Amino acid sequence: MSTLMLQMMGSFAQFERSMILKRQAEGIAAAKAGPDAKEKYAGRKASIDRDVISKMIKAGSSLTSIAKSLGISRQSVHRIKAELGL
């Protein structure tokens, strides 16, 4: 009997999760299609200023000090340095 109850609860949880994902997708699609689409669903703002990193690298700062001063990871600084070709 307990196995049946666990399977029923698992089925309800799975169904509810699929409904949540469906409603979320509908909401995002509606926000993207709305009149103020750019303002409503613009995504995450860029937290890294590439110009500042470029200037700091050219000034001779170490990648670790750049990462600490900007509050980002060293890997992000390495990636941006490679993208900028510095």
C-alpha atoms as a PDB file:
ATOM      1  CA  MET A   1       0.000   0.000   0.000  1.00  0.00           C
ATOM      2  CA  SER A   2       2.800   2.451   0.815  1.00  0.00           C
ATOM      3  CA  THR A   3       4.422   1.838  -2.575  1.00  0.00           C
ATOM      4  CA  LEU A   4       1.183   2.807  -4.294  1.00  0.00           C
ATOM      5  CA  MET A   5       0.986   6.036  -2.283  1.00  0.00           C
ATOM      6  CA  LEU A   6       4.589   6.929  -3.090  1.00  0.00           C
ATOM      7  CA  GLN A   7       4.006   6.324  -6.783  1.00  0.00           C
ATOM      8  CA  MET A   8       0.859   8.469  -6.718  1.00  0.00           C
ATOM      9  CA  MET A   9       2.660  11.325  -4.960  1.00  0.00           C
ATOM     10  CA  GLY A  10       5.536  11.059  -7.422  1.00  0.00           C
ATOM     11  CA  SER A  11       3.119  11.211 -10.339  1.00  0.00           C
ATOM     12  CA  PHE A  12       1.413  14.297  -8.908  1.00  0.00           C
ATOM     13  CA  ALA A  13       4.767  15.994  -8.350  1.00  0.00           C
ATOM     14  CA  GLN A  14       5.889  15.203 -11.888  1.00  0.00           C
ATOM     15  CA  PHE A  15       2.609  16.519 -13.317  1.00  0.00           C
ATOM     16  CA  GLU A  16       2.827  19.720 -11.261  1.00  0.00           C
ATOM     17  CA  ARG A  17       6.426  20.303 -12.375  1.00  0.00           C
ATOM     18  CA  SER A  18       5.440  19.943 -16.022  1.00  0.00           C
ATOM     19  CA  MET A  19       2.595  22.430 -15.492  1.00  0.00           C
ATOM     20  CA  ILE A  20       4.983  24.925 -13.872  1.00  0.00           C
ATOM     21  CA  LEU A  21       7.385  24.678 -16.813  1.00  0.00           C
ATOM     22  CA  LYS A  22       4.530  25.093 -19.287  1.00  0.00           C
ATOM     23  CA  ARG A  23       3.193  28.211 -17.520  1.00  0.00           C
ATOM     24  CA  GLN A  24       6.700  29.658 -17.282  1.00  0.00           C
ATOM     25  CA  ALA A  25       7.298  29.147 -21.016  1.00  0.00           C
ATOM     26  CA  GLU A  26       3.937  30.747 -21.827  1.00  0.00           C
ATOM     27  CA  GLY A  27       4.745  33.751 -19.642  1.00  0.00           C
ATOM     28  CA  ILE A  28       8.156  34.264 -21.224  1.00  0.00           C
ATOM     29  CA  ALA A  29       6.680  33.962 -24.725  1.00  0.00           C
ATOM     30  CA  ALA A  30       3.957  36.483 -23.855  1.00  0.00           C
ATOM     31  CA  ALA A  31       6.518  38.904 -22.425  1.00  0.00           C
ATOM     32  CA  LYS A  32       8.694  38.610 -25.526  1.00  0.00           C
ATOM     33  CA  ALA A  33       5.725  39.158 -27.847  1.00  0.00           C
ATOM     34  CA  GLY A  34       4.257  42.091 -25.919  1.00  0.00           C
ATOM     35  CA  PRO A  35       4.467  45.757 -26.953  1.00  0.00           C
ATOM     36  CA  ASP A  36       7.255  46.490 -24.458  1.00  0.00           C
ATOM     37  CA  ALA A  37       9.140  43.284 -25.168  1.00  0.00           C
ATOM     38  CA  LYS A  38      12.613  44.787 -24.834  1.00  0.00           C
ATOM     39  CA  GLU A  39      11.806  46.380 -21.503  1.00  0.00           C
ATOM     40  CA  LYS A  40       9.961  43.425 -19.975  1.00  0.00           C
ATOM     41  CA  TYR A  41      12.278  40.550 -20.839  1.00  0.00           C
ATOM     42  CA  ALA A  42      15.697  41.888 -21.641  1.00  0.00           C
ATOM     43  CA  GLY A  43      17.667  39.184 -19.890  1.00  0.00           C
ATOM     44  CA  ARG A  44      20.491  39.751 -17.477  1.00  0.00           C
ATOM     45  CA  LYS A  45      22.512  42.933 -17.718  1.00  0.00           C
ATOM     46  CA  ALA A  46      26.208  42.558 -18.446  1.00  0.00           C
ATOM     47  CA  SER A  47      28.114  42.825 -15.181  1.00  0.00           C
ATOM     48  CA  ILE A  48      31.533  43.072 -16.802  1.00  0.00           C
ATOM     49  CA  ASP A  49      32.843  46.254 -18.419  1.00  0.00           C
ATOM     50  CA  ARG A  50      35.233  45.084 -21.119  1.00  0.00           C
ATOM     51  CA  ASP A  51      36.721  48.558 -21.604  1.00  0.00           C
ATOM     52  CA  VAL A  52      37.786  48.758 -17.961  1.00  0.00           C
ATOM     53  CA  ILE A  53      39.383  45.313 -18.148  1.00  0.00           C
ATOM     54  CA  SER A  54      41.182  46.240 -21.361  1.00  0.00           C
ATOM     55  CA  LYS A  55      42.561  49.448 -19.822  1.00  0.00           C
ATOM     56  CA  MET A  56      43.681  47.640 -16.673  1.00  0.00           C
ATOM     57  CA  ILE A  57      45.463  44.923 -18.674  1.00  0.00           C
ATOM     58  CA  LYS A  58      47.214  47.529 -20.825  1.00  0.00           C
ATOM     59  CA  ALA A  59      48.221  49.403 -17.658  1.00  0.00           C
ATOM     60  CA  GLY A  60      50.010  46.271 -16.461  1.00  0.00           C
ATOM     61  CA  SER A  61      47.657  45.096 -13.718  1.00  0.00           C
ATOM     62  CA  SER A  62      47.721  41.393 -12.932  1.00  0.00           C
ATOM     63  CA  LEU A  63      44.713  39.331 -13.892  1.00  0.00           C
ATOM     64  CA  THR A  64      44.137  38.364 -10.266  1.00  0.00           C
ATOM     65  CA  SER A  65      44.093  41.985  -9.107  1.00  0.00           C
ATOM     66  CA  ILE A  66      41.709  42.917 -11.927  1.00  0.00           C
ATOM     67  CA  ALA A  67      39.364  40.106 -10.922  1.00  0.00           C
ATOM     68  CA  LYS A  68      39.430  41.111  -7.255  1.00  0.00           C
ATOM     69  CA  SER A  69      38.889  44.811  -7.934  1.00  0.00           C
ATOM     70  CA  LEU A  70      35.927  44.180 -10.248  1.00  0.00           C
ATOM     71  CA  GLY A  71      34.434  41.359  -8.194  1.00  0.00           C
ATOM     72  CA  ILE A  72      34.557  38.768 -10.966  1.00  0.00           C
ATOM     73  CA  SER A  73      36.391  35.478 -11.387  1.00  0.00           C
ATOM     74  CA  ARG A  74      39.906  35.161 -12.793  1.00  0.00           C
ATOM     75  CA  GLN A  75      38.527  32.874 -15.479  1.00  0.00           C
ATOM     76  CA  SER A  76      36.233  35.684 -16.664  1.00  0.00           C
ATOM     77  CA  VAL A  77      39.212  38.017 -16.942  1.00  0.00           C
ATOM     78  CA  HIS A  78      41.170  35.350 -18.865  1.00  0.00           C
ATOM     79  CA  ARG A  79      38.228  34.783 -21.217  1.00  0.00           C
ATOM     80  CA  ILE A  80      37.746  38.493 -21.921  1.00  0.00           C
ATOM     81  CA  LYS A  81      41.482  38.946 -22.432  1.00  0.00           C
ATOM     82  CA  ALA A  82      41.445  36.156 -25.029  1.00  0.00           C
ATOM     83  CA  GLU A  83      38.335  37.572 -26.715  1.00  0.00           C
ATOM     84  CA  LEU A  84      39.945  41.009 -26.952  1.00  0.00           C
ATOM     85  CA  GLY A  85      43.167  39.492 -28.270  1.00  0.00           C
ATOM     86  CA  LEU A  86      45.369  41.036 -25.589  1.00  0.00           C
END
